[in-house]
Amino acid sequence: MDAATQTAPVAAREDYKSRPGALIWFFKKSRNTWKEKYRALKASVKGLKNQLAAVTRSRAEWRAKAEAAGRRAAALEADLAALRDRVAAADPQKKIRAAAR
């Protein structure tokens, strides 16, 4: 493919009034500018996608920890209520003394 482009002479179009060297410089600069712009945008999008994935994963981990802590707190509250009932049933005098204070 390179051989075909090298053998064909570069002909300047008749509708351009500027010299070919200036046109080549301008078009190359224009192409490089938009390529760099979209390369930077692509990198930005990739970074934002990575951040979104990390935040989503972190939020799921914290939600799981919070749910586990809630279940543990409910179990401990149930154990505490059962122990209070056992203490109250074992010694009714303590209940009377505690109420008098």
PDB file of N, CA and C in Angstrom:
ATOM      1  N   MET A   1       0.815  -1.178   0.000  1.00  0.00           N
ATOM      2  CA  MET A   1       0.000   0.000   0.000  1.00  0.00           C
ATOM      3  C   MET A   1       0.867   1.252   0.000  1.00  0.00           C
ATOM      4  N   ASP A   2       1.978   1.226   0.756  1.00  0.00           N
ATOM      5  CA  ASP A   2       2.872   2.382   0.778  1.00  0.00           C
ATOM      6  C   ASP A   2       3.526   2.605  -0.576  1.00  0.00           C
ATOM      7  N   ALA A   3       3.788   1.509  -1.270  1.00  0.00           N
ATOM      8  CA  ALA A   3       4.428   1.628  -2.569  1.00  0.00           C
ATOM      9  C   ALA A   3       3.520   2.351  -3.556  1.00  0.00           C
ATOM     10  N   ALA A   4       2.236   2.110  -3.458  1.00  0.00           N
ATOM     11  CA  ALA A   4       1.291   2.747  -4.373  1.00  0.00           C
ATOM     12  C   ALA A   4       1.208   4.245  -4.114  1.00  0.00           C
ATOM     13  N   THR A   5       1.279   4.640  -2.843  1.00  0.00           N
ATOM     14  CA  THR A   5       1.196   6.061  -2.532  1.00  0.00           C
ATOM     15  C   THR A   5       2.484   6.791  -2.877  1.00  0.00           C
ATOM     16  N   GLN A   6       3.599   6.089  -2.827  1.00  0.00           N
ATOM     17  CA  GLN A   6       4.870   6.735  -3.137  1.00  0.00           C
ATOM     18  C   GLN A   6       5.065   6.918  -4.640  1.00  0.00           C
ATOM     19  N   THR A   7       4.539   6.010  -5.420  1.00  0.00           N
ATOM     20  CA  THR A   7       4.727   6.110  -6.865  1.00  0.00           C
ATOM     21  C   THR A   7       3.808   7.148  -7.488  1.00  0.00           C
ATOM     22  N   ALA A   8       2.634   7.367  -6.879  1.00  0.00           N
ATOM     23  CA  ALA A   8       1.719   8.358  -7.446  1.00  0.00           C
ATOM     24  C   ALA A   8       2.141   9.743  -6.965  1.00  0.00           C
ATOM     25  N   PRO A   9       2.389  10.667  -7.863  1.00  0.00           N
ATOM     26  CA  PRO A   9       2.794  12.006  -7.435  1.00  0.00           C
ATOM     27  C   PRO A   9       1.630  12.718  -6.775  1.00  0.00           C
ATOM     28  N   VAL A  10       1.953  13.510  -5.772  1.00  0.00           N
ATOM     29  CA  VAL A  10       0.920  14.260  -5.060  1.00  0.00           C
ATOM     30  C   VAL A  10       0.566  15.469  -5.909  1.00  0.00           C
ATOM     31  N   ALA A  11      -0.649  15.476  -6.366  1.00  0.00           N
ATOM     32  CA  ALA A  11      -1.086  16.594  -7.209  1.00  0.00           C
ATOM     33  C   ALA A  11      -1.890  17.554  -6.354  1.00  0.00           C
ATOM     34  N   ALA A  12      -1.597  18.826  -6.457  1.00  0.00           N
ATOM     35  CA  ALA A  12      -2.334  19.830  -5.705  1.00  0.00           C
ATOM     36  C   ALA A  12      -3.680  20.049  -6.382  1.00  0.00           C
ATOM     37  N   ARG A  13      -4.699  20.128  -5.562  1.00  0.00           N
ATOM     38  CA  ARG A  13      -6.021  20.384  -6.134  1.00  0.00           C
ATOM     39  C   ARG A  13      -6.070  21.817  -6.640  1.00  0.00           C
ATOM     40  N   GLU A  14      -6.820  22.013  -7.668  1.00  0.00           N
ATOM     41  CA  GLU A  14      -6.884  23.319  -8.311  1.00  0.00           C
ATOM     42  C   GLU A  14      -7.707  24.334  -7.520  1.00  0.00           C
ATOM     43  N   ASP A  15      -8.621  23.835  -6.632  1.00  0.00           N
ATOM     44  CA  ASP A  15      -9.475  24.777  -5.913  1.00  0.00           C
ATOM     45  C   ASP A  15      -8.800  25.381  -4.675  1.00  0.00           C
ATOM     46  N   TYR A  16      -7.649  24.870  -4.260  1.00  0.00           N
ATOM     47  CA  TYR A  16      -6.910  25.472  -3.158  1.00  0.00           C
ATOM     48  C   TYR A  16      -5.960  26.525  -3.723  1.00  0.00           C
ATOM     49  N   LYS A  17      -5.918  27.692  -3.080  1.00  0.00           N
ATOM     50  CA  LYS A  17      -5.037  28.750  -3.563  1.00  0.00           C
ATOM     51  C   LYS A  17      -3.718  28.789  -2.794  1.00  0.00           C
ATOM     52  N   SER A  18      -3.703  28.112  -1.617  1.00  0.00           N
ATOM     53  CA  SER A  18      -2.480  28.088  -0.825  1.00  0.00           C
ATOM     54  C   SER A  18      -1.510  27.066  -1.395  1.00  0.00           C
ATOM     55  N   ARG A  19      -0.252  27.218  -1.035  1.00  0.00           N
ATOM     56  CA  ARG A  19       0.748  26.279  -1.519  1.00  0.00           C
ATOM     57  C   ARG A  19       0.566  24.926  -0.822  1.00  0.00           C
ATOM     58  N   PRO A  20       0.900  23.835  -1.469  1.00  0.00           N
ATOM     59  CA  PRO A  20       0.677  22.491  -0.911  1.00  0.00           C
ATOM     60  C   PRO A  20       1.361  22.263   0.435  1.00  0.00           C
ATOM     61  N   GLY A  21       2.552  22.802   0.638  1.00  0.00           N
ATOM     62  CA  GLY A  21       3.251  22.618   1.913  1.00  0.00           C
ATOM     63  C   GLY A  21       2.469  23.222   3.074  1.00  0.00           C
ATOM     64  N   ALA A  22       1.881  24.392   2.852  1.00  0.00           N
ATOM     65  CA  ALA A  22       1.083  25.034   3.900  1.00  0.00           C
ATOM     66  C   ALA A  22      -0.182  24.244   4.160  1.00  0.00           C
ATOM     67  N   LEU A  23      -0.806  23.717   3.111  1.00  0.00           N
ATOM     68  CA  LEU A  23      -2.019  22.915   3.272  1.00  0.00           C
ATOM     69  C   LEU A  23      -1.718  21.624   4.021  1.00  0.00           C
ATOM     70  N   ILE A  24      -0.611  20.994   3.666  1.00  0.00           N
ATOM     71  CA  ILE A  24      -0.227  19.751   4.348  1.00  0.00           C
ATOM     72  C   ILE A  24      -0.013  20.022   5.833  1.00  0.00           C
ATOM     73  N   TRP A  25       0.689  21.096   6.154  1.00  0.00           N
ATOM     74  CA  TRP A  25       0.948  21.448   7.560  1.00  0.00           C
ATOM     75  C   TRP A  25      -0.370  21.695   8.280  1.00  0.00           C
ATOM     76  N   PHE A  26      -1.269  22.464   7.657  1.00  0.00           N
ATOM     77  CA  PHE A  26      -2.542  22.804   8.293  1.00  0.00           C
ATOM     78  C   PHE A  26      -3.400  21.554   8.521  1.00  0.00           C
ATOM     79  N   PHE A  27      -3.525  20.712   7.488  1.00  0.00           N
ATOM     80  CA  PHE A  27      -4.369  19.525   7.625  1.00  0.00           C
ATOM     81  C   PHE A  27      -3.784  18.524   8.624  1.00  0.00           C
ATOM     82  N   LYS A  28      -2.469  18.411   8.636  1.00  0.00           N
ATOM     83  CA  LYS A  28      -1.824  17.510   9.599  1.00  0.00           C
ATOM     84  C   LYS A  28      -2.039  18.019  11.026  1.00  0.00           C
ATOM     85  N   LYS A  29      -1.888  19.336  11.212  1.00  0.00           N
ATOM     86  CA  LYS A  29      -2.106  19.924  12.537  1.00  0.00           C
ATOM     87  C   LYS A  29      -3.556  19.730  12.970  1.00  0.00           C
ATOM     88  N   SER A  30      -4.483  19.944  12.058  1.00  0.00           N
ATOM     89  CA  SER A  30      -5.896  19.775  12.358  1.00  0.00           C
ATOM     90  C   SER A  30      -6.204  18.330  12.752  1.00  0.00           C
ATOM     91  N   ARG A  31      -5.689  17.383  11.972  1.00  0.00           N
ATOM     92  CA  ARG A  31      -5.901  15.963  12.262  1.00  0.00           C
ATOM     93  C   ARG A  31      -5.313  15.587  13.616  1.00  0.00           C
ATOM     94  N   ASN A  32      -4.080  16.032  13.882  1.00  0.00           N
ATOM     95  CA  ASN A  32      -3.426  15.695  15.151  1.00  0.00           C
ATOM     96  C   ASN A  32      -4.166  16.311  16.335  1.00  0.00           C
ATOM     97  N   THR A  33      -4.736  17.501  16.133  1.00  0.00           N
ATOM     98  CA  THR A  33      -5.474  18.160  17.215  1.00  0.00           C
ATOM     99  C   THR A  33      -6.711  17.360  17.597  1.00  0.00           C
ATOM    100  N   TRP A  34      -7.520  16.979  16.608  1.00  0.00           N
ATOM    101  CA  TRP A  34      -8.724  16.237  16.974  1.00  0.00           C
ATOM    102  C   TRP A  34      -8.409  14.840  17.454  1.00  0.00           C
ATOM    103  N   LYS A  35      -7.336  14.237  16.941  1.00  0.00           N
ATOM    104  CA  LYS A  35      -6.945  12.918  17.447  1.00  0.00           C
ATOM    105  C   LYS A  35      -6.549  13.001  18.922  1.00  0.00           C
ATOM    106  N   GLU A  36      -5.773  14.020  19.264  1.00  0.00           N
ATOM    107  CA  GLU A  36      -5.348  14.183  20.658  1.00  0.00           C
ATOM    108  C   GLU A  36      -6.547  14.490  21.558  1.00  0.00           C
ATOM    109  N   LYS A  37      -7.463  15.297  21.047  1.00  0.00           N
ATOM    110  CA  LYS A  37      -8.667  15.637  21.814  1.00  0.00           C
ATOM    111  C   LYS A  37      -9.458  14.374  22.140  1.00  0.00           C
ATOM    112  N   TYR A  38      -9.699  13.538  21.160  1.00  0.00           N
ATOM    113  CA  TYR A  38     -10.486  12.337  21.398  1.00  0.00           C
ATOM    114  C   TYR A  38      -9.706  11.268  22.142  1.00  0.00           C
ATOM    115  N   ARG A  39      -8.386  11.265  22.032  1.00  0.00           N
ATOM    116  CA  ARG A  39      -7.571  10.357  22.837  1.00  0.00           C
ATOM    117  C   ARG A  39      -7.701  10.733  24.320  1.00  0.00           C
ATOM    118  N   ALA A  40      -7.665  12.033  24.595  1.00  0.00           N
ATOM    119  CA  ALA A  40      -7.819  12.499  25.979  1.00  0.00           C
ATOM    120  C   ALA A  40      -9.223  12.193  26.496  1.00  0.00           C
ATOM    121  N   LEU A  41     -10.230  12.386  25.661  1.00  0.00           N
ATOM    122  CA  LEU A  41     -11.599  12.075  26.077  1.00  0.00           C
ATOM    123  C   LEU A  41     -11.772  10.586  26.356  1.00  0.00           C
ATOM    124  N   LYS A  42     -11.156   9.763  25.522  1.00  0.00           N
ATOM    125  CA  LYS A  42     -11.237   8.316  25.711  1.00  0.00           C
ATOM    126  C   LYS A  42     -10.591   7.916  27.036  1.00  0.00           C
ATOM    127  N   ALA A  43      -9.452   8.515  27.344  1.00  0.00           N
ATOM    128  CA  ALA A  43      -8.788   8.223  28.622  1.00  0.00           C
ATOM    129  C   ALA A  43      -9.648   8.689  29.792  1.00  0.00           C
ATOM    130  N   SER A  44     -10.280   9.841  29.640  1.00  0.00           N
ATOM    131  CA  SER A  44     -11.154  10.357  30.694  1.00  0.00           C
ATOM    132  C   SER A  44     -12.342   9.425  30.921  1.00  0.00           C
ATOM    133  N   VAL A  45     -12.946   8.963  29.844  1.00  0.00           N
ATOM    134  CA  VAL A  45     -14.081   8.047  29.954  1.00  0.00           C
ATOM    135  C   VAL A  45     -13.651   6.747  30.641  1.00  0.00           C
ATOM    136  N   LYS A  46     -12.481   6.249  30.269  1.00  0.00           N
ATOM    137  CA  LYS A  46     -11.996   5.011  30.884  1.00  0.00           C
ATOM    138  C   LYS A  46     -11.779   5.203  32.387  1.00  0.00           C
ATOM    139  N   GLY A  47     -11.193   6.338  32.762  1.00  0.00           N
ATOM    140  CA  GLY A  47     -10.980   6.619  34.174  1.00  0.00           C
ATOM    141  C   GLY A  47     -12.291   6.722  34.942  1.00  0.00           C
ATOM    142  N   LEU A  48     -13.279   7.378  34.324  1.00  0.00           N
ATOM    143  CA  LEU A  48     -14.577   7.506  34.982  1.00  0.00           C
ATOM    144  C   LEU A  48     -15.279   6.152  35.104  1.00  0.00           C
ATOM    145  N   LYS A  49     -15.145   5.309  34.084  1.00  0.00           N
ATOM    146  CA  LYS A  49     -15.738   3.968  34.172  1.00  0.00           C
ATOM    147  C   LYS A  49     -15.087   3.162  35.292  1.00  0.00           C
ATOM    148  N   ASN A  50     -13.768   3.260  35.402  1.00  0.00           N
ATOM    149  CA  ASN A  50     -13.065   2.550  36.482  1.00  0.00           C
ATOM    150  C   ASN A  50     -13.502   3.062  37.844  1.00  0.00           C
ATOM    151  N   GLN A  51     -13.650   4.379  37.960  1.00  0.00           N
ATOM    152  CA  GLN A  51     -14.080   4.956  39.232  1.00  0.00           C
ATOM    153  C   GLN A  51     -15.501   4.508  39.565  1.00  0.00           C
ATOM    154  N   LEU A  52     -16.382   4.484  38.578  1.00  0.00           N
ATOM    155  CA  LEU A  52     -17.749   4.032  38.796  1.00  0.00           C
ATOM    156  C   LEU A  52     -17.777   2.584  39.264  1.00  0.00           C
ATOM    157  N   ALA A  53     -16.961   1.734  38.640  1.00  0.00           N
ATOM    158  CA  ALA A  53     -16.910   0.334  39.052  1.00  0.00           C
ATOM    159  C   ALA A  53     -16.407   0.202  40.489  1.00  0.00           C
ATOM    160  N   ALA A  54     -15.398   0.993  40.843  1.00  0.00           N
ATOM    161  CA  ALA A  54     -14.849   0.932  42.206  1.00  0.00           C
ATOM    162  C   ALA A  54     -15.873   1.421  43.226  1.00  0.00           C
ATOM    163  N   VAL A  55     -16.574   2.488  42.902  1.00  0.00           N
ATOM    164  CA  VAL A  55     -17.578   3.025  43.829  1.00  0.00           C
ATOM    165  C   VAL A  55     -18.728   2.042  43.997  1.00  0.00           C
ATOM    166  N   THR A  56     -19.160   1.428  42.893  1.00  0.00           N
ATOM    167  CA  THR A  56     -20.245   0.451  42.962  1.00  0.00           C
ATOM    168  C   THR A  56     -19.841  -0.743  43.820  1.00  0.00           C
ATOM    169  N   ARG A  57     -18.619  -1.222  43.610  1.00  0.00           N
ATOM    170  CA  ARG A  57     -18.128  -2.361  44.394  1.00  0.00           C
ATOM    171  C   ARG A  57     -18.028  -1.997  45.881  1.00  0.00           C
ATOM    172  N   SER A  58     -17.495  -0.807  46.162  1.00  0.00           N
ATOM    173  CA  SER A  58     -17.356  -0.367  47.553  1.00  0.00           C
ATOM    174  C   SER A  58     -18.722  -0.226  48.228  1.00  0.00           C
ATOM    175  N   ARG A  59     -19.670   0.334  47.491  1.00  0.00           N
ATOM    176  CA  ARG A  59     -21.010   0.514  48.060  1.00  0.00           C
ATOM    177  C   ARG A  59     -21.646  -0.831  48.373  1.00  0.00           C
ATOM    178  N   ALA A  60     -21.464  -1.813  47.500  1.00  0.00           N
ATOM    179  CA  ALA A  60     -22.014  -3.146  47.741  1.00  0.00           C
ATOM    180  C   ALA A  60     -21.372  -3.782  48.984  1.00  0.00           C
ATOM    181  N   GLU A  61     -20.050  -3.584  49.132  1.00  0.00           N
ATOM    182  CA  GLU A  61     -19.370  -4.130  50.312  1.00  0.00           C
ATOM    183  C   GLU A  61     -19.882  -3.477  51.594  1.00  0.00           C
ATOM    184  N   TRP A  62     -20.045  -2.153  51.578  1.00  0.00           N
ATOM    185  CA  TRP A  62     -20.538  -1.469  52.772  1.00  0.00           C
ATOM    186  C   TRP A  62     -21.975  -1.867  53.081  1.00  0.00           C
ATOM    187  N   ARG A  63     -22.799  -2.052  52.046  1.00  0.00           N
ATOM    188  CA  ARG A  63     -24.185  -2.476  52.263  1.00  0.00           C
ATOM    189  C   ARG A  63     -24.206  -3.853  52.917  1.00  0.00           C
ATOM    190  N   ALA A  64     -23.355  -4.765  52.443  1.00  0.00           N
ATOM    191  CA  ALA A  64     -23.293  -6.111  53.027  1.00  0.00           C
ATOM    192  C   ALA A  64     -22.839  -6.047  54.485  1.00  0.00           C
ATOM    193  N   LYS A  65     -21.839  -5.188  54.772  1.00  0.00           N
ATOM    194  CA  LYS A  65     -21.380  -5.034  56.165  1.00  0.00           C
ATOM    195  C   LYS A  65     -22.490  -4.474  57.053  1.00  0.00           C
ATOM    196  N   ALA A  66     -23.231  -3.493  56.545  1.00  0.00           N
ATOM    197  CA  ALA A  66     -24.306  -2.884  57.332  1.00  0.00           C
ATOM    198  C   ALA A  66     -25.424  -3.890  57.593  1.00  0.00           C
ATOM    199  N   GLU A  67     -25.771  -4.683  56.594  1.00  0.00           N
ATOM    200  CA  GLU A  67     -26.813  -5.694  56.785  1.00  0.00           C
ATOM    201  C   GLU A  67     -26.367  -6.747  57.784  1.00  0.00           C
ATOM    202  N   ALA A  68     -25.097  -7.163  57.718  1.00  0.00           N
ATOM    203  CA  ALA A  68     -24.578  -8.151  58.669  1.00  0.00           C
ATOM    204  C   ALA A  68     -24.585  -7.572  60.086  1.00  0.00           C
ATOM    205  N   ALA A  69     -24.204  -6.302  60.213  1.00  0.00           N
ATOM    206  CA  ALA A  69     -24.213  -5.665  61.538  1.00  0.00           C
ATOM    207  C   ALA A  69     -25.640  -5.558  62.071  1.00  0.00           C
ATOM    208  N   GLY A  70     -26.588  -5.269  61.200  1.00  0.00           N
ATOM    209  CA  GLY A  70     -27.993  -5.202  61.618  1.00  0.00           C
ATOM    210  C   GLY A  70     -28.503  -6.550  62.093  1.00  0.00           C
ATOM    211  N   ARG A  71     -28.157  -7.606  61.358  1.00  0.00           N
ATOM    212  CA  ARG A  71     -28.568  -8.955  61.783  1.00  0.00           C
ATOM    213  C   ARG A  71     -27.932  -9.322  63.120  1.00  0.00           C
ATOM    214  N   ARG A  72     -26.662  -8.962  63.279  1.00  0.00           N
ATOM    215  CA  ARG A  72     -25.964  -9.278  64.540  1.00  0.00           C
ATOM    216  C   ARG A  72     -26.579  -8.500  65.705  1.00  0.00           C
ATOM    217  N   ALA A  73     -26.916  -7.230  65.466  1.00  0.00           N
ATOM    218  CA  ALA A  73     -27.538  -6.419  66.523  1.00  0.00           C
ATOM    219  C   ALA A  73     -28.894  -6.996  66.911  1.00  0.00           C
ATOM    220  N   ALA A  74     -29.675  -7.425  65.937  1.00  0.00           N
ATOM    221  CA  ALA A  74     -30.978  -8.022  66.238  1.00  0.00           C
ATOM    222  C   ALA A  74     -30.808  -9.305  67.044  1.00  0.00           C
ATOM    223  N   ALA A  75     -29.819 -10.129  66.688  1.00  0.00           N
ATOM    224  CA  ALA A  75     -29.573 -11.367  67.425  1.00  0.00           C
ATOM    225  C   ALA A  75     -29.137 -11.067  68.858  1.00  0.00           C
ATOM    226  N   LEU A  76     -28.268 -10.067  69.027  1.00  0.00           N
ATOM    227  CA  LEU A  76     -27.826  -9.706  70.376  1.00  0.00           C
ATOM    228  C   LEU A  76     -28.971  -9.138  71.214  1.00  0.00           C
ATOM    229  N   GLU A  77     -29.850  -8.354  70.598  1.00  0.00           N
ATOM    230  CA  GLU A  77     -31.019  -7.832  71.317  1.00  0.00           C
ATOM    231  C   GLU A  77     -31.914  -8.984  71.770  1.00  0.00           C
ATOM    232  N   ALA A  78     -32.090  -9.978  70.901  1.00  0.00           N
ATOM    233  CA  ALA A  78     -32.908 -11.136  71.266  1.00  0.00           C
ATOM    234  C   ALA A  78     -32.257 -11.900  72.414  1.00  0.00           C
ATOM    235  N   ASP A  79     -30.936 -12.087  72.365  1.00  0.00           N
ATOM    236  CA  ASP A  79     -30.223 -12.767  73.453  1.00  0.00           C
ATOM    237  C   ASP A  79     -30.355 -11.990  74.761  1.00  0.00           C
ATOM    238  N   LEU A  80     -30.222 -10.669  74.676  1.00  0.00           N
ATOM    239  CA  LEU A  80     -30.341  -9.830  75.869  1.00  0.00           C
ATOM    240  C   LEU A  80     -31.732  -9.932  76.473  1.00  0.00           C
ATOM    241  N   ALA A  81     -32.751  -9.910  75.650  1.00  0.00           N
ATOM    242  CA  ALA A  81     -34.128 -10.030  76.151  1.00  0.00           C
ATOM    243  C   ALA A  81     -34.337 -11.395  76.805  1.00  0.00           C
ATOM    244  N   ALA A  82     -33.776 -12.444  76.198  1.00  0.00           N
ATOM    245  CA  ALA A  82     -33.914 -13.779  76.782  1.00  0.00           C
ATOM    246  C   ALA A  82     -33.198 -13.857  78.124  1.00  0.00           C
ATOM    247  N   LEU A  83     -32.013 -13.268  78.235  1.00  0.00           N
ATOM    248  CA  LEU A  83     -31.277 -13.272  79.513  1.00  0.00           C
ATOM    249  C   LEU A  83     -32.015 -12.469  80.576  1.00  0.00           C
ATOM    250  N   ARG A  84     -32.600 -11.356  80.205  1.00  0.00           N
ATOM    251  CA  ARG A  84     -33.375 -10.564  81.174  1.00  0.00           C
ATOM    252  C   ARG A  84     -34.580 -11.358  81.678  1.00  0.00           C
ATOM    253  N   ASP A  85     -35.220 -12.083  80.771  1.00  0.00           N
ATOM    254  CA  ASP A  85     -36.359 -12.912  81.178  1.00  0.00           C
ATOM    255  C   ASP A  85     -35.916 -14.024  82.125  1.00  0.00           C
ATOM    256  N   ARG A  86     -34.757 -14.633  81.827  1.00  0.00           N
ATOM    257  CA  ARG A  86     -34.255 -15.696  82.710  1.00  0.00           C
ATOM    258  C   ARG A  86     -33.927 -15.147  84.091  1.00  0.00           C
ATOM    259  N   VAL A  87     -33.308 -13.968  84.142  1.00  0.00           N
ATOM    260  CA  VAL A  87     -32.954 -13.358  85.430  1.00  0.00           C
ATOM    261  C   VAL A  87     -34.213 -13.014  86.204  1.00  0.00           C
ATOM    262  N   ALA A  88     -35.196 -12.464  85.522  1.00  0.00           N
ATOM    263  CA  ALA A  88     -36.446 -12.083  86.190  1.00  0.00           C
ATOM    264  C   ALA A  88     -37.178 -13.318  86.694  1.00  0.00           C
ATOM    265  N   ALA A  89     -37.151 -14.396  85.961  1.00  0.00           N
ATOM    266  CA  ALA A  89     -37.834 -15.613  86.380  1.00  0.00           C
ATOM    267  C   ALA A  89     -37.080 -16.313  87.504  1.00  0.00           C
ATOM    268  N   ALA A  90     -35.783 -16.224  87.528  1.00  0.00           N
ATOM    269  CA  ALA A  90     -34.977 -16.910  88.535  1.00  0.00           C
ATOM    270  C   ALA A  90     -35.089 -16.239  89.894  1.00  0.00           C
ATOM    271  N   ASP A  91     -35.147 -14.947  89.971  1.00  0.00           N
ATOM    272  CA  ASP A  91     -35.172 -14.243  91.264  1.00  0.00           C
ATOM    273  C   ASP A  91     -36.197 -13.114  91.215  1.00  0.00           C
ATOM    274  N   PRO A  92     -37.419 -13.373  91.585  1.00  0.00           N
ATOM    275  CA  PRO A  92     -38.452 -12.322  91.547  1.00  0.00           C
ATOM    276  C   PRO A  92     -38.189 -11.202  92.559  1.00  0.00           C
ATOM    277  N   GLN A  93     -37.420 -11.466  93.629  1.00  0.00           N
ATOM    278  CA  GLN A  93     -37.125 -10.446  94.631  1.00  0.00           C
ATOM    279  C   GLN A  93     -36.264  -9.324  94.049  1.00  0.00           C
ATOM    280  N   LYS A  94     -35.347  -9.659  93.125  1.00  0.00           N
ATOM    281  CA  LYS A  94     -34.503  -8.638  92.519  1.00  0.00           C
ATOM    282  C   LYS A  94     -35.347  -7.655  91.735  1.00  0.00           C
ATOM    283  N   LYS A  95     -36.387  -8.159  91.130  1.00  0.00           N
ATOM    284  CA  LYS A  95     -37.256  -7.299  90.339  1.00  0.00           C
ATOM    285  C   LYS A  95     -37.973  -6.305  91.257  1.00  0.00           C
ATOM    286  N   ILE A  96     -38.395  -6.785  92.409  1.00  0.00           N
ATOM    287  CA  ILE A  96     -39.082  -5.912  93.358  1.00  0.00           C
ATOM    288  C   ILE A  96     -38.098  -4.876  93.904  1.00  0.00           C
ATOM    289  N   ARG A  97     -36.887  -5.285  94.260  1.00  0.00           N
ATOM    290  CA  ARG A  97     -35.890  -4.362  94.776  1.00  0.00           C
ATOM    291  C   ARG A  97     -35.514  -3.302  93.725  1.00  0.00           C
ATOM    292  N   ALA A  98     -35.365  -3.736  92.479  1.00  0.00           N
ATOM    293  CA  ALA A  98     -35.012  -2.802  91.411  1.00  0.00           C
ATOM    294  C   ALA A  98     -36.122  -1.785  91.202  1.00  0.00           C
ATOM    295  N   ALA A  99     -37.360  -2.194  91.337  1.00  0.00           N
ATOM    296  CA  ALA A  99     -38.503  -1.280  91.142  1.00  0.00           C
ATOM    297  C   ALA A  99     -38.586  -0.302  92.299  1.00  0.00           C
ATOM    298  N   ALA A 100     -38.158  -0.683  93.511  1.00  0.00           N
ATOM    299  CA  ALA A 100     -38.225   0.192  94.675  1.00  0.00           C
ATOM    300  C   ALA A 100     -37.169   1.297  94.617  1.00  0.00           C
ATOM    301  N   ARG A 101     -36.104   1.084  93.971  1.00  0.00           N
ATOM    302  CA  ARG A 101     -35.021   2.084  93.909  1.00  0.00           C
ATOM    303  C   ARG A 101     -35.438   3.210  93.115  1.00  0.00           C
TER     304      ARG A 101
END
